[in-house]
């Protein structure tokens, strides 16, 4: 980096002060924690991570020095796991996005399903067709056959979260995703075309390692 592009000493010190402020804010939020899903603690964690990352970058650019600690940034994914060490139950939360690429194909498939059930009237409109198909097929089957249904895959994610107790039947049906606490995620699996773009940006691998 050229001298002209380097941060000033004042900018580095200001970044250090921002880390101190973020530390105080994070500690105060933890002390006032109202539960495992307290959003104030999560927001304070992200603010601390961002401030630490900025300070680390400026410190390196100015003095060619690094900090002795590493805090995951807000964009790195998940906060540290804060769930039970011995979970008694698990919840698997799945999100899959699709674009309706071929509405006619979607409608045709829905009509075919409706024709098999002679007591049902054929769907009218894309929303009705979607309801027919997802009522007939499991989400995993739709995921594996999405092109047949005129759908185009988007991003998807699977969260496996820990729970202390197995919920009572019907307990969470009114708000099934309300308690999706990032701090209770045991593992997470993401699929996105953005990862393919990142691999392309890295260029070909010149090494001789295995695929």
N, C-alpha and C. Protein backbone atom coordinates (compact mmCIF):
# COMPACT_ATOMS: atom_id res chain seq x y z
N UNK A 1 0.85 -1.19 0.00
CA UNK A 1 0.00 0.00 0.00
C UNK A 1 0.88 1.24 0.00
N UNK A 2 0.55 2.24 -0.79
CA UNK A 2 1.33 3.46 -0.86
C UNK A 2 1.12 4.29 0.39
N UNK A 3 2.09 5.20 0.66
CA UNK A 3 1.97 6.07 1.82
C UNK A 3 0.73 6.94 1.75
N UNK A 4 0.35 7.36 0.55
CA UNK A 4 -0.81 8.24 0.39
C UNK A 4 -2.10 7.55 0.79
N UNK A 5 -2.16 6.22 0.63
CA UNK A 5 -3.38 5.49 0.92
C UNK A 5 -3.42 4.98 2.36
N UNK A 6 -2.32 5.12 3.11
CA UNK A 6 -2.29 4.63 4.47
C UNK A 6 -3.18 5.46 5.38
N UNK A 7 -3.82 4.84 6.37
CA UNK A 7 -4.59 5.60 7.34
C UNK A 7 -3.67 6.42 8.23
N UNK A 8 -4.19 7.47 8.78
CA UNK A 8 -3.40 8.30 9.69
C UNK A 8 -3.37 7.68 11.07
N UNK A 9 -2.42 8.15 11.89
CA UNK A 9 -2.35 7.67 13.27
C UNK A 9 -3.62 8.01 14.03
N UNK A 10 -4.20 9.17 13.70
CA UNK A 10 -5.45 9.57 14.37
C UNK A 10 -6.59 8.62 14.02
N UNK A 11 -6.63 8.15 12.78
CA UNK A 11 -7.68 7.22 12.37
C UNK A 11 -7.53 5.88 13.09
N UNK A 12 -6.29 5.44 13.28
CA UNK A 12 -6.06 4.18 13.99
C UNK A 12 -6.50 4.33 15.44
N UNK A 13 -6.15 5.45 16.06
CA UNK A 13 -6.54 5.66 17.46
C UNK A 13 -8.06 5.78 17.59
N UNK A 14 -8.70 6.43 16.63
CA UNK A 14 -10.15 6.54 16.67
C UNK A 14 -10.80 5.16 16.57
N UNK A 15 -10.22 4.29 15.74
CA UNK A 15 -10.73 2.93 15.61
C UNK A 15 -10.56 2.16 16.91
N UNK A 16 -9.43 2.39 17.61
CA UNK A 16 -9.20 1.73 18.90
C UNK A 16 -10.23 2.20 19.92
N UNK A 17 -10.54 3.50 19.91
CA UNK A 17 -11.55 4.01 20.83
C UNK A 17 -12.93 3.41 20.52
N UNK A 18 -13.20 3.18 19.23
CA UNK A 18 -14.47 2.58 18.84
C UNK A 18 -14.58 1.15 19.37
N UNK A 19 -13.45 0.44 19.40
CA UNK A 19 -13.45 -0.92 19.96
C UNK A 19 -13.76 -0.86 21.45
N UNK A 20 -13.15 0.08 22.17
CA UNK A 20 -13.42 0.22 23.61
C UNK A 20 -14.89 0.51 23.87
N UNK A 21 -15.46 1.40 23.07
CA UNK A 21 -16.88 1.72 23.23
C UNK A 21 -17.75 0.51 22.95
N UNK A 22 -17.40 -0.24 21.90
CA UNK A 22 -18.17 -1.43 21.55
C UNK A 22 -18.05 -2.50 22.63
N UNK A 23 -16.88 -2.61 23.26
CA UNK A 23 -16.70 -3.55 24.37
C UNK A 23 -17.62 -3.20 25.53
N UNK A 24 -17.66 -1.92 25.88
CA UNK A 24 -18.52 -1.47 26.98
C UNK A 24 -19.99 -1.75 26.66
N UNK A 25 -20.37 -1.48 25.42
CA UNK A 25 -21.75 -1.71 25.02
C UNK A 25 -22.11 -3.20 25.08
N UNK A 26 -21.17 -4.04 24.63
CA UNK A 26 -21.42 -5.49 24.64
C UNK A 26 -21.56 -6.00 26.07
N UNK A 27 -20.66 -5.57 26.96
CA UNK A 27 -20.73 -6.01 28.35
C UNK A 27 -22.04 -5.56 29.00
N UNK A 28 -22.44 -4.30 28.73
CA UNK A 28 -23.69 -3.80 29.29
C UNK A 28 -24.89 -4.61 28.79
N UNK A 29 -24.87 -4.96 27.51
CA UNK A 29 -25.97 -5.76 26.95
C UNK A 29 -26.01 -7.14 27.57
N UNK A 30 -24.84 -7.74 27.81
CA UNK A 30 -24.80 -9.07 28.44
C UNK A 30 -25.31 -8.99 29.87
N UNK A 31 -24.93 -7.95 30.57
CA UNK A 31 -25.38 -7.79 31.97
C UNK A 31 -26.89 -7.59 32.06
N UNK A 32 -27.48 -7.01 31.01
CA UNK A 32 -28.93 -6.77 31.00
C UNK A 32 -29.69 -7.84 30.23
N UNK A 33 -29.03 -8.91 29.87
CA UNK A 33 -29.65 -9.96 29.06
C UNK A 33 -30.97 -10.41 29.67
N UNK A 34 -31.99 -10.49 28.81
CA UNK A 34 -33.32 -10.90 29.27
C UNK A 34 -33.65 -12.34 28.89
N UNK A 35 -32.77 -12.99 28.14
CA UNK A 35 -33.02 -14.37 27.72
C UNK A 35 -32.02 -14.79 26.67
N UNK A 36 -32.12 -16.05 26.26
CA UNK A 36 -31.16 -16.57 25.29
C UNK A 36 -31.28 -15.90 23.93
N UNK A 37 -32.46 -15.36 23.61
CA UNK A 37 -32.67 -14.74 22.29
C UNK A 37 -32.71 -13.22 22.37
N UNK A 38 -31.97 -12.65 23.31
CA UNK A 38 -31.94 -11.20 23.48
C UNK A 38 -31.26 -10.56 22.28
N UNK A 39 -32.02 -9.80 21.50
CA UNK A 39 -31.46 -9.19 20.29
C UNK A 39 -30.42 -8.12 20.60
N UNK A 40 -30.51 -7.48 21.78
CA UNK A 40 -29.54 -6.45 22.12
C UNK A 40 -28.14 -7.03 22.25
N UNK A 41 -28.04 -8.24 22.79
CA UNK A 41 -26.74 -8.90 22.92
C UNK A 41 -26.19 -9.26 21.54
N UNK A 42 -27.06 -9.77 20.69
CA UNK A 42 -26.64 -10.15 19.34
C UNK A 42 -26.17 -8.93 18.56
N UNK A 43 -26.90 -7.82 18.65
CA UNK A 43 -26.52 -6.59 17.94
C UNK A 43 -25.21 -6.03 18.49
N UNK A 44 -25.04 -6.09 19.82
CA UNK A 44 -23.80 -5.58 20.42
C UNK A 44 -22.61 -6.44 20.01
N UNK A 45 -22.84 -7.74 19.90
CA UNK A 45 -21.77 -8.65 19.43
C UNK A 45 -21.33 -8.27 18.02
N UNK A 46 -22.30 -8.07 17.14
CA UNK A 46 -21.96 -7.71 15.76
C UNK A 46 -21.24 -6.37 15.68
N UNK A 47 -21.67 -5.42 16.51
CA UNK A 47 -21.01 -4.11 16.51
C UNK A 47 -19.57 -4.24 17.00
N UNK A 48 -19.35 -5.06 18.01
CA UNK A 48 -17.99 -5.28 18.51
C UNK A 48 -17.13 -5.97 17.46
N UNK A 49 -17.70 -6.95 16.77
CA UNK A 49 -16.95 -7.64 15.73
C UNK A 49 -16.54 -6.70 14.61
N UNK A 50 -17.48 -5.85 14.20
CA UNK A 50 -17.19 -4.90 13.12
C UNK A 50 -16.13 -3.89 13.54
N UNK A 51 -16.23 -3.38 14.77
CA UNK A 51 -15.25 -2.40 15.26
C UNK A 51 -13.86 -3.03 15.36
N UNK A 52 -13.80 -4.27 15.85
CA UNK A 52 -12.51 -4.95 15.98
C UNK A 52 -11.88 -5.21 14.61
N UNK A 53 -12.71 -5.58 13.65
CA UNK A 53 -12.19 -5.83 12.30
C UNK A 53 -11.63 -4.56 11.68
N UNK A 54 -12.35 -3.44 11.85
CA UNK A 54 -11.87 -2.17 11.31
C UNK A 54 -10.54 -1.76 11.96
N UNK A 55 -10.46 -1.89 13.28
CA UNK A 55 -9.22 -1.55 13.98
C UNK A 55 -8.06 -2.42 13.52
N UNK A 56 -8.32 -3.71 13.38
CA UNK A 56 -7.27 -4.64 12.95
C UNK A 56 -6.73 -4.25 11.57
N UNK A 57 -7.64 -3.91 10.66
CA UNK A 57 -7.22 -3.54 9.30
C UNK A 57 -6.40 -2.25 9.30
N UNK A 58 -6.87 -1.24 10.04
CA UNK A 58 -6.15 0.04 10.07
C UNK A 58 -4.80 -0.10 10.76
N UNK A 59 -4.77 -0.90 11.83
CA UNK A 59 -3.51 -1.11 12.55
C UNK A 59 -2.48 -1.76 11.63
N UNK A 60 -2.92 -2.71 10.84
CA UNK A 60 -2.00 -3.40 9.93
C UNK A 60 -1.54 -2.46 8.81
N UNK A 61 -2.51 -1.70 8.25
CA UNK A 61 -2.17 -0.81 7.14
C UNK A 61 -1.20 0.28 7.58
N UNK A 62 -1.38 0.77 8.80
CA UNK A 62 -0.54 1.88 9.27
C UNK A 62 0.80 1.41 9.84
N UNK A 63 0.76 0.35 10.67
CA UNK A 63 1.95 -0.05 11.42
C UNK A 63 2.46 -1.45 11.07
N UNK A 64 1.79 -2.12 10.13
CA UNK A 64 2.18 -3.49 9.79
C UNK A 64 2.16 -4.38 11.04
N UNK A 65 1.12 -4.19 11.84
CA UNK A 65 0.98 -4.93 13.10
C UNK A 65 -0.43 -5.51 13.17
N UNK A 66 -0.58 -6.61 13.90
CA UNK A 66 -1.88 -7.26 14.03
C UNK A 66 -2.27 -7.34 15.50
N UNK A 67 -3.55 -7.59 15.75
CA UNK A 67 -4.04 -7.76 17.11
C UNK A 67 -3.84 -9.22 17.55
N UNK A 68 -3.74 -9.46 18.85
CA UNK A 68 -3.52 -10.84 19.33
C UNK A 68 -4.81 -11.64 19.49
N UNK A 69 -5.92 -11.08 19.06
CA UNK A 69 -7.18 -11.79 19.18
C UNK A 69 -7.94 -11.70 17.86
N UNK A 70 -8.89 -12.59 17.72
CA UNK A 70 -9.70 -12.62 16.50
C UNK A 70 -11.17 -12.75 16.89
N UNK A 71 -11.97 -11.81 16.45
CA UNK A 71 -13.41 -11.85 16.69
C UNK A 71 -14.10 -12.02 15.36
N UNK A 72 -14.95 -13.03 15.19
CA UNK A 72 -15.64 -13.21 13.91
C UNK A 72 -16.45 -11.98 13.56
N UNK A 73 -16.34 -11.54 12.32
CA UNK A 73 -17.10 -10.39 11.87
C UNK A 73 -18.56 -10.72 11.69
N UNK A 74 -19.41 -9.70 11.61
CA UNK A 74 -20.84 -9.91 11.46
C UNK A 74 -21.17 -10.64 10.18
N UNK A 75 -20.30 -10.46 9.15
CA UNK A 75 -20.56 -11.10 7.87
C UNK A 75 -20.03 -12.53 7.82
N UNK A 76 -19.33 -12.97 8.88
CA UNK A 76 -18.75 -14.30 8.87
C UNK A 76 -19.76 -15.39 9.18
N UNK A 77 -20.97 -15.01 9.55
CA UNK A 77 -21.99 -16.02 9.78
C UNK A 77 -22.57 -15.96 11.16
N UNK A 78 -22.17 -16.89 12.03
CA UNK A 78 -22.87 -17.11 13.28
C UNK A 78 -22.10 -16.60 14.48
N UNK A 79 -22.82 -16.17 15.52
CA UNK A 79 -22.16 -15.86 16.79
C UNK A 79 -21.76 -17.16 17.48
N UNK A 80 -20.96 -17.09 18.53
CA UNK A 80 -20.56 -18.32 19.23
C UNK A 80 -21.78 -19.09 19.73
N UNK A 81 -21.67 -20.40 19.71
CA UNK A 81 -22.77 -21.25 20.17
C UNK A 81 -23.01 -21.04 21.66
N UNK A 82 -24.26 -20.78 22.02
CA UNK A 82 -24.62 -20.53 23.41
C UNK A 82 -25.75 -21.43 23.86
N UNK A 83 -26.00 -22.51 23.13
CA UNK A 83 -27.06 -23.43 23.49
C UNK A 83 -26.60 -24.44 24.52
N UNK A 84 -27.47 -25.37 24.87
CA UNK A 84 -27.12 -26.39 25.88
C UNK A 84 -26.04 -27.33 25.38
N UNK A 85 -25.15 -27.75 26.29
CA UNK A 85 -24.10 -28.69 25.93
C UNK A 85 -24.66 -30.07 25.60
N UNK A 86 -25.78 -30.42 26.22
CA UNK A 86 -26.42 -31.71 26.00
C UNK A 86 -27.85 -31.48 25.53
N UNK A 87 -28.06 -31.12 24.26
CA UNK A 87 -29.42 -30.83 23.78
C UNK A 87 -30.33 -32.04 23.94
N UNK A 88 -31.54 -31.78 24.41
CA UNK A 88 -32.54 -32.83 24.54
C UNK A 88 -33.45 -32.90 23.32
N UNK A 89 -33.35 -31.92 22.44
CA UNK A 89 -34.19 -31.89 21.24
C UNK A 89 -33.51 -31.05 20.18
N UNK A 90 -33.87 -31.26 18.93
CA UNK A 90 -33.33 -30.50 17.81
C UNK A 90 -34.48 -29.96 16.96
N UNK A 91 -34.26 -28.80 16.37
CA UNK A 91 -35.16 -28.27 15.36
C UNK A 91 -34.37 -28.07 14.08
N UNK A 92 -34.90 -28.52 12.96
CA UNK A 92 -34.25 -28.35 11.66
C UNK A 92 -35.06 -27.33 10.87
N UNK A 93 -34.47 -26.18 10.63
CA UNK A 93 -35.13 -25.09 9.91
C UNK A 93 -34.56 -25.02 8.50
N UNK A 94 -35.43 -25.07 7.51
CA UNK A 94 -34.99 -25.12 6.12
C UNK A 94 -35.63 -23.96 5.35
N UNK A 95 -34.81 -23.28 4.58
CA UNK A 95 -35.34 -22.28 3.64
C UNK A 95 -34.76 -22.57 2.27
N UNK A 96 -35.64 -22.64 1.27
CA UNK A 96 -35.23 -22.80 -0.12
C UNK A 96 -35.98 -21.76 -0.95
N UNK A 97 -35.24 -21.00 -1.74
CA UNK A 97 -35.86 -20.00 -2.61
C UNK A 97 -35.93 -20.52 -4.04
N UNK A 98 -37.05 -20.23 -4.69
CA UNK A 98 -37.24 -20.61 -6.09
C UNK A 98 -37.78 -19.41 -6.87
N UNK A 99 -37.35 -19.30 -8.10
CA UNK A 99 -37.97 -18.36 -9.04
C UNK A 99 -38.95 -19.16 -9.91
N UNK A 100 -40.12 -18.59 -10.15
CA UNK A 100 -41.08 -19.24 -11.04
C UNK A 100 -40.64 -18.92 -12.46
N UNK A 101 -39.76 -19.76 -13.00
CA UNK A 101 -39.14 -19.50 -14.30
C UNK A 101 -40.10 -19.80 -15.46
N UNK A 102 -40.95 -20.82 -15.30
CA UNK A 102 -41.86 -21.23 -16.36
C UNK A 102 -43.26 -21.42 -15.78
N UNK A 103 -44.03 -20.34 -15.68
CA UNK A 103 -45.37 -20.44 -15.08
C UNK A 103 -46.28 -21.44 -15.79
N UNK A 104 -46.15 -21.57 -17.10
CA UNK A 104 -47.01 -22.50 -17.83
C UNK A 104 -46.70 -23.94 -17.45
N UNK A 105 -45.42 -24.25 -17.33
CA UNK A 105 -45.04 -25.60 -16.93
C UNK A 105 -45.54 -25.88 -15.51
N UNK A 106 -45.41 -24.90 -14.65
CA UNK A 106 -45.89 -25.04 -13.27
C UNK A 106 -47.39 -25.33 -13.26
N UNK A 107 -48.14 -24.56 -14.03
CA UNK A 107 -49.59 -24.74 -14.08
C UNK A 107 -49.96 -26.10 -14.68
N UNK A 108 -49.23 -26.53 -15.70
CA UNK A 108 -49.52 -27.81 -16.33
C UNK A 108 -49.30 -28.97 -15.36
N UNK A 109 -48.24 -28.90 -14.59
CA UNK A 109 -47.97 -29.95 -13.62
C UNK A 109 -49.05 -29.97 -12.53
N UNK A 110 -49.49 -28.79 -12.13
CA UNK A 110 -50.53 -28.73 -11.11
C UNK A 110 -51.85 -29.28 -11.65
N UNK A 111 -52.16 -28.99 -12.91
CA UNK A 111 -53.39 -29.52 -13.50
C UNK A 111 -53.32 -31.04 -13.59
N UNK A 112 -52.13 -31.56 -13.90
CA UNK A 112 -51.97 -33.01 -13.97
C UNK A 112 -52.26 -33.66 -12.61
N UNK A 113 -51.76 -33.02 -11.56
CA UNK A 113 -52.02 -33.55 -10.21
C UNK A 113 -53.51 -33.47 -9.89
N UNK A 114 -54.14 -32.36 -10.26
CA UNK A 114 -55.56 -32.20 -9.98
C UNK A 114 -56.39 -33.20 -10.77
N UNK A 115 -55.97 -33.52 -11.99
CA UNK A 115 -56.70 -34.50 -12.81
C UNK A 115 -56.68 -35.89 -12.18
N UNK A 116 -55.60 -36.18 -11.44
CA UNK A 116 -55.51 -37.48 -10.78
C UNK A 116 -56.51 -37.61 -9.64
N UNK A 117 -56.88 -36.47 -9.07
CA UNK A 117 -57.88 -36.45 -8.01
C UNK A 117 -59.16 -35.87 -8.61
N UNK A 118 -60.05 -36.71 -9.02
CA UNK A 118 -61.24 -36.27 -9.78
C UNK A 118 -62.18 -35.40 -8.95
N UNK A 119 -61.96 -35.38 -7.64
CA UNK A 119 -62.83 -34.58 -6.79
C UNK A 119 -62.36 -33.13 -6.71
N UNK A 120 -61.18 -32.83 -7.26
CA UNK A 120 -60.63 -31.48 -7.19
C UNK A 120 -60.78 -30.76 -8.51
N UNK A 121 -61.05 -29.47 -8.40
CA UNK A 121 -61.08 -28.62 -9.58
C UNK A 121 -59.67 -28.17 -9.90
N UNK A 122 -59.34 -28.04 -11.15
CA UNK A 122 -57.99 -27.62 -11.54
C UNK A 122 -57.65 -26.26 -10.99
N UNK A 123 -56.37 -26.01 -10.64
CA UNK A 123 -55.96 -24.73 -10.05
C UNK A 123 -56.08 -23.59 -11.05
N UNK A 124 -56.42 -22.44 -10.54
CA UNK A 124 -56.51 -21.22 -11.36
C UNK A 124 -55.51 -20.20 -10.83
N UNK A 125 -54.47 -19.93 -11.62
CA UNK A 125 -53.45 -18.97 -11.21
C UNK A 125 -52.22 -19.65 -10.65
N UNK A 126 -51.12 -18.91 -10.68
CA UNK A 126 -49.85 -19.46 -10.24
C UNK A 126 -49.85 -19.80 -8.76
N UNK A 127 -50.42 -18.93 -7.93
CA UNK A 127 -50.44 -19.19 -6.49
C UNK A 127 -51.18 -20.48 -6.18
N UNK A 128 -52.32 -20.69 -6.85
CA UNK A 128 -53.08 -21.92 -6.63
C UNK A 128 -52.29 -23.13 -7.10
N UNK A 129 -51.59 -23.01 -8.23
CA UNK A 129 -50.79 -24.12 -8.74
C UNK A 129 -49.68 -24.49 -7.76
N UNK A 130 -49.05 -23.49 -7.17
CA UNK A 130 -48.00 -23.74 -6.18
C UNK A 130 -48.59 -24.50 -5.00
N UNK A 131 -49.76 -24.07 -4.55
CA UNK A 131 -50.40 -24.75 -3.43
C UNK A 131 -50.70 -26.21 -3.73
N UNK A 132 -51.14 -26.51 -4.97
CA UNK A 132 -51.43 -27.89 -5.36
C UNK A 132 -50.16 -28.74 -5.34
N UNK A 133 -49.07 -28.22 -5.91
CA UNK A 133 -47.84 -29.00 -6.01
C UNK A 133 -47.22 -29.24 -4.64
N UNK A 134 -47.17 -28.22 -3.80
CA UNK A 134 -46.57 -28.41 -2.49
C UNK A 134 -47.49 -29.21 -1.57
N UNK A 135 -48.76 -29.28 -1.91
CA UNK A 135 -49.65 -30.15 -1.17
C UNK A 135 -49.51 -31.60 -1.57
N UNK A 136 -49.05 -31.84 -2.78
CA UNK A 136 -48.92 -33.19 -3.30
C UNK A 136 -47.54 -33.79 -3.02
N UNK A 137 -46.49 -32.97 -3.16
CA UNK A 137 -45.12 -33.47 -3.06
C UNK A 137 -44.42 -32.94 -1.81
N UNK A 138 -43.52 -33.76 -1.28
CA UNK A 138 -42.67 -33.33 -0.18
C UNK A 138 -41.69 -32.26 -0.69
N UNK A 139 -41.30 -31.32 0.17
CA UNK A 139 -40.34 -30.28 -0.26
C UNK A 139 -39.05 -30.85 -0.83
N UNK A 140 -38.57 -31.97 -0.28
CA UNK A 140 -37.33 -32.56 -0.80
C UNK A 140 -37.52 -33.07 -2.23
N UNK A 141 -38.70 -33.60 -2.52
CA UNK A 141 -38.95 -34.08 -3.88
C UNK A 141 -39.05 -32.91 -4.84
N UNK A 142 -39.67 -31.83 -4.42
CA UNK A 142 -39.74 -30.64 -5.27
C UNK A 142 -38.34 -30.09 -5.51
N UNK A 143 -37.49 -30.13 -4.49
CA UNK A 143 -36.12 -29.65 -4.65
C UNK A 143 -35.36 -30.48 -5.69
N UNK A 144 -35.58 -31.78 -5.70
CA UNK A 144 -34.86 -32.64 -6.63
C UNK A 144 -35.46 -32.60 -8.03
N UNK A 145 -36.73 -32.17 -8.16
CA UNK A 145 -37.40 -32.16 -9.46
C UNK A 145 -37.85 -30.75 -9.86
N UNK A 146 -37.22 -29.72 -9.32
CA UNK A 146 -37.72 -28.36 -9.48
C UNK A 146 -37.84 -27.95 -10.95
N UNK A 147 -36.95 -28.43 -11.80
CA UNK A 147 -37.02 -28.05 -13.22
C UNK A 147 -38.29 -28.60 -13.87
N UNK A 148 -38.72 -29.77 -13.44
CA UNK A 148 -39.97 -30.34 -13.97
C UNK A 148 -41.17 -29.46 -13.66
N UNK A 149 -41.07 -28.74 -12.56
CA UNK A 149 -42.18 -27.90 -12.12
C UNK A 149 -42.03 -26.45 -12.56
N UNK A 150 -41.06 -26.18 -13.43
CA UNK A 150 -40.88 -24.82 -13.94
C UNK A 150 -40.26 -23.87 -12.94
N UNK A 151 -39.51 -24.42 -11.99
CA UNK A 151 -38.90 -23.59 -10.95
C UNK A 151 -37.39 -23.52 -11.17
N UNK A 152 -36.81 -22.41 -10.72
CA UNK A 152 -35.37 -22.22 -10.80
C UNK A 152 -34.84 -22.02 -9.39
N UNK A 153 -33.81 -22.79 -9.02
CA UNK A 153 -33.28 -22.74 -7.66
C UNK A 153 -32.60 -21.42 -7.35
N UNK A 154 -32.82 -20.93 -6.14
CA UNK A 154 -32.09 -19.80 -5.60
C UNK A 154 -31.25 -20.26 -4.42
N UNK A 155 -31.04 -19.38 -3.46
CA UNK A 155 -30.27 -19.74 -2.28
C UNK A 155 -31.07 -20.69 -1.39
N UNK A 156 -30.36 -21.46 -0.61
CA UNK A 156 -31.01 -22.33 0.37
C UNK A 156 -30.12 -22.46 1.60
N UNK A 157 -30.74 -22.75 2.72
CA UNK A 157 -29.99 -22.93 3.95
C UNK A 157 -30.71 -23.91 4.85
N UNK A 158 -29.94 -24.63 5.64
CA UNK A 158 -30.47 -25.55 6.64
C UNK A 158 -29.83 -25.21 7.98
N UNK A 159 -30.66 -24.91 8.97
CA UNK A 159 -30.17 -24.65 10.32
C UNK A 159 -30.57 -25.81 11.22
N UNK A 160 -29.62 -26.38 11.93
CA UNK A 160 -29.92 -27.38 12.95
C UNK A 160 -29.71 -26.70 14.30
N UNK A 161 -30.79 -26.46 15.02
CA UNK A 161 -30.72 -25.72 16.28
C UNK A 161 -31.02 -26.64 17.45
N UNK A 162 -30.40 -26.32 18.59
CA UNK A 162 -30.56 -27.12 19.79
C UNK A 162 -31.65 -26.54 20.67
N UNK A 163 -32.37 -27.45 21.34
CA UNK A 163 -33.41 -27.05 22.28
C UNK A 163 -33.18 -27.80 23.58
N UNK A 164 -33.54 -27.17 24.69
CA UNK A 164 -33.36 -27.81 25.98
C UNK A 164 -34.38 -28.90 26.22
N UNK A 165 -35.61 -28.70 25.75
CA UNK A 165 -36.68 -29.66 25.96
C UNK A 165 -37.44 -29.88 24.66
N UNK A 166 -38.03 -31.06 24.53
CA UNK A 166 -38.84 -31.35 23.36
C UNK A 166 -40.17 -30.60 23.51
N UNK A 167 -40.58 -29.79 22.51
CA UNK A 167 -41.80 -28.99 22.66
C UNK A 167 -43.06 -29.84 22.68
N UNK A 168 -44.08 -29.31 23.33
CA UNK A 168 -45.38 -29.97 23.34
C UNK A 168 -46.00 -29.90 21.95
N UNK A 169 -46.82 -30.89 21.58
CA UNK A 169 -47.49 -30.85 20.27
C UNK A 169 -48.28 -29.57 20.08
N UNK A 170 -48.05 -28.92 18.94
CA UNK A 170 -48.76 -27.69 18.61
C UNK A 170 -48.26 -26.44 19.30
N UNK A 171 -47.20 -26.56 20.10
CA UNK A 171 -46.74 -25.43 20.91
C UNK A 171 -46.27 -24.25 20.07
N UNK A 172 -45.57 -24.54 18.97
CA UNK A 172 -44.97 -23.45 18.20
C UNK A 172 -45.62 -23.23 16.83
N UNK A 173 -46.71 -23.91 16.55
CA UNK A 173 -47.29 -23.84 15.21
C UNK A 173 -47.75 -22.43 14.83
N UNK A 174 -48.17 -21.63 15.80
CA UNK A 174 -48.64 -20.28 15.49
C UNK A 174 -47.51 -19.38 15.00
N UNK A 175 -46.28 -19.63 15.46
CA UNK A 175 -45.12 -18.82 15.05
C UNK A 175 -43.91 -19.74 14.95
N UNK A 176 -43.83 -20.55 13.90
CA UNK A 176 -42.82 -21.62 13.84
C UNK A 176 -41.39 -21.14 13.77
N UNK A 177 -41.13 -19.93 13.26
CA UNK A 177 -39.75 -19.48 13.08
C UNK A 177 -39.38 -18.35 14.04
N UNK A 178 -40.23 -18.08 14.98
CA UNK A 178 -40.01 -16.95 15.89
C UNK A 178 -38.79 -17.17 16.78
N UNK A 179 -38.51 -18.42 17.14
CA UNK A 179 -37.42 -18.71 18.06
C UNK A 179 -36.18 -19.23 17.35
N UNK A 180 -35.96 -18.80 16.13
CA UNK A 180 -34.77 -19.21 15.38
C UNK A 180 -33.58 -18.40 15.89
N UNK A 181 -32.97 -18.88 16.97
CA UNK A 181 -31.89 -18.16 17.65
C UNK A 181 -30.54 -18.55 17.05
N UNK A 182 -29.82 -17.61 16.44
CA UNK A 182 -28.51 -17.94 15.85
C UNK A 182 -27.52 -18.52 16.86
N UNK A 183 -27.66 -18.17 18.13
CA UNK A 183 -26.72 -18.66 19.14
C UNK A 183 -26.98 -20.12 19.52
N UNK A 184 -28.08 -20.70 19.03
CA UNK A 184 -28.39 -22.10 19.33
C UNK A 184 -28.17 -23.01 18.11
N UNK A 185 -27.57 -22.46 17.06
CA UNK A 185 -27.33 -23.27 15.87
C UNK A 185 -26.16 -24.21 16.11
N UNK A 186 -26.43 -25.51 16.02
CA UNK A 186 -25.38 -26.51 16.18
C UNK A 186 -24.55 -26.59 14.90
N UNK A 187 -25.22 -26.59 13.76
CA UNK A 187 -24.53 -26.58 12.47
C UNK A 187 -25.45 -25.95 11.44
N UNK A 188 -24.84 -25.47 10.37
CA UNK A 188 -25.59 -24.76 9.32
C UNK A 188 -24.98 -25.10 7.98
N UNK A 189 -25.84 -25.27 6.97
CA UNK A 189 -25.39 -25.62 5.63
C UNK A 189 -26.06 -24.67 4.63
N UNK A 190 -25.25 -23.92 3.89
CA UNK A 190 -25.75 -22.94 2.94
C UNK A 190 -25.39 -23.34 1.51
N UNK A 191 -26.31 -23.08 0.59
CA UNK A 191 -26.05 -23.27 -0.84
C UNK A 191 -26.44 -21.98 -1.55
N UNK A 192 -25.50 -21.43 -2.31
CA UNK A 192 -25.77 -20.18 -3.02
C UNK A 192 -24.83 -20.06 -4.20
N UNK A 193 -25.32 -19.46 -5.26
CA UNK A 193 -24.47 -19.23 -6.43
C UNK A 193 -23.36 -18.24 -6.13
N UNK A 194 -23.50 -17.46 -5.06
CA UNK A 194 -22.46 -16.49 -4.71
C UNK A 194 -21.17 -17.20 -4.36
N UNK A 195 -21.27 -18.45 -3.83
CA UNK A 195 -20.06 -19.20 -3.52
C UNK A 195 -19.35 -19.61 -4.81
N UNK A 196 -20.12 -19.93 -5.84
CA UNK A 196 -19.52 -20.26 -7.13
C UNK A 196 -18.78 -19.06 -7.71
N UNK A 197 -19.39 -17.87 -7.54
CA UNK A 197 -18.75 -16.66 -8.03
C UNK A 197 -17.42 -16.42 -7.32
N UNK A 198 -17.38 -16.69 -6.00
CA UNK A 198 -16.15 -16.50 -5.25
C UNK A 198 -15.07 -17.45 -5.72
N UNK A 199 -15.46 -18.70 -6.02
CA UNK A 199 -14.49 -19.66 -6.53
C UNK A 199 -13.93 -19.23 -7.87
N UNK A 200 -14.81 -18.66 -8.72
CA UNK A 200 -14.35 -18.19 -10.04
C UNK A 200 -13.36 -17.04 -9.89
N UNK A 201 -13.61 -16.16 -8.89
CA UNK A 201 -12.72 -15.01 -8.70
C UNK A 201 -11.33 -15.45 -8.27
N UNK A 202 -11.23 -16.60 -7.58
CA UNK A 202 -9.94 -17.06 -7.10
C UNK A 202 -9.05 -17.57 -8.23
N UNK A 203 -9.68 -17.91 -9.37
CA UNK A 203 -8.91 -18.40 -10.50
C UNK A 203 -8.58 -19.87 -10.36
N UNK A 204 -7.94 -20.45 -11.36
CA UNK A 204 -7.61 -21.88 -11.33
C UNK A 204 -6.58 -22.19 -10.26
N UNK A 205 -6.68 -23.40 -9.71
CA UNK A 205 -5.74 -23.85 -8.70
C UNK A 205 -4.50 -24.41 -9.39
N UNK A 206 -3.34 -23.83 -9.05
CA UNK A 206 -2.10 -24.26 -9.68
C UNK A 206 -1.47 -25.46 -8.97
N UNK A 207 -2.08 -25.86 -7.84
CA UNK A 207 -1.49 -26.95 -7.08
C UNK A 207 -1.82 -28.29 -7.70
N UNK A 208 -1.19 -29.33 -7.13
CA UNK A 208 -1.38 -30.70 -7.62
C UNK A 208 -2.20 -31.52 -6.64
N UNK A 209 -2.98 -30.87 -5.78
CA UNK A 209 -3.74 -31.60 -4.78
C UNK A 209 -4.90 -32.34 -5.40
N UNK A 210 -5.49 -33.24 -4.59
CA UNK A 210 -6.64 -34.00 -5.04
C UNK A 210 -7.85 -33.10 -5.17
N UNK A 211 -8.82 -33.49 -6.04
CA UNK A 211 -10.06 -32.75 -6.19
C UNK A 211 -10.87 -32.87 -4.92
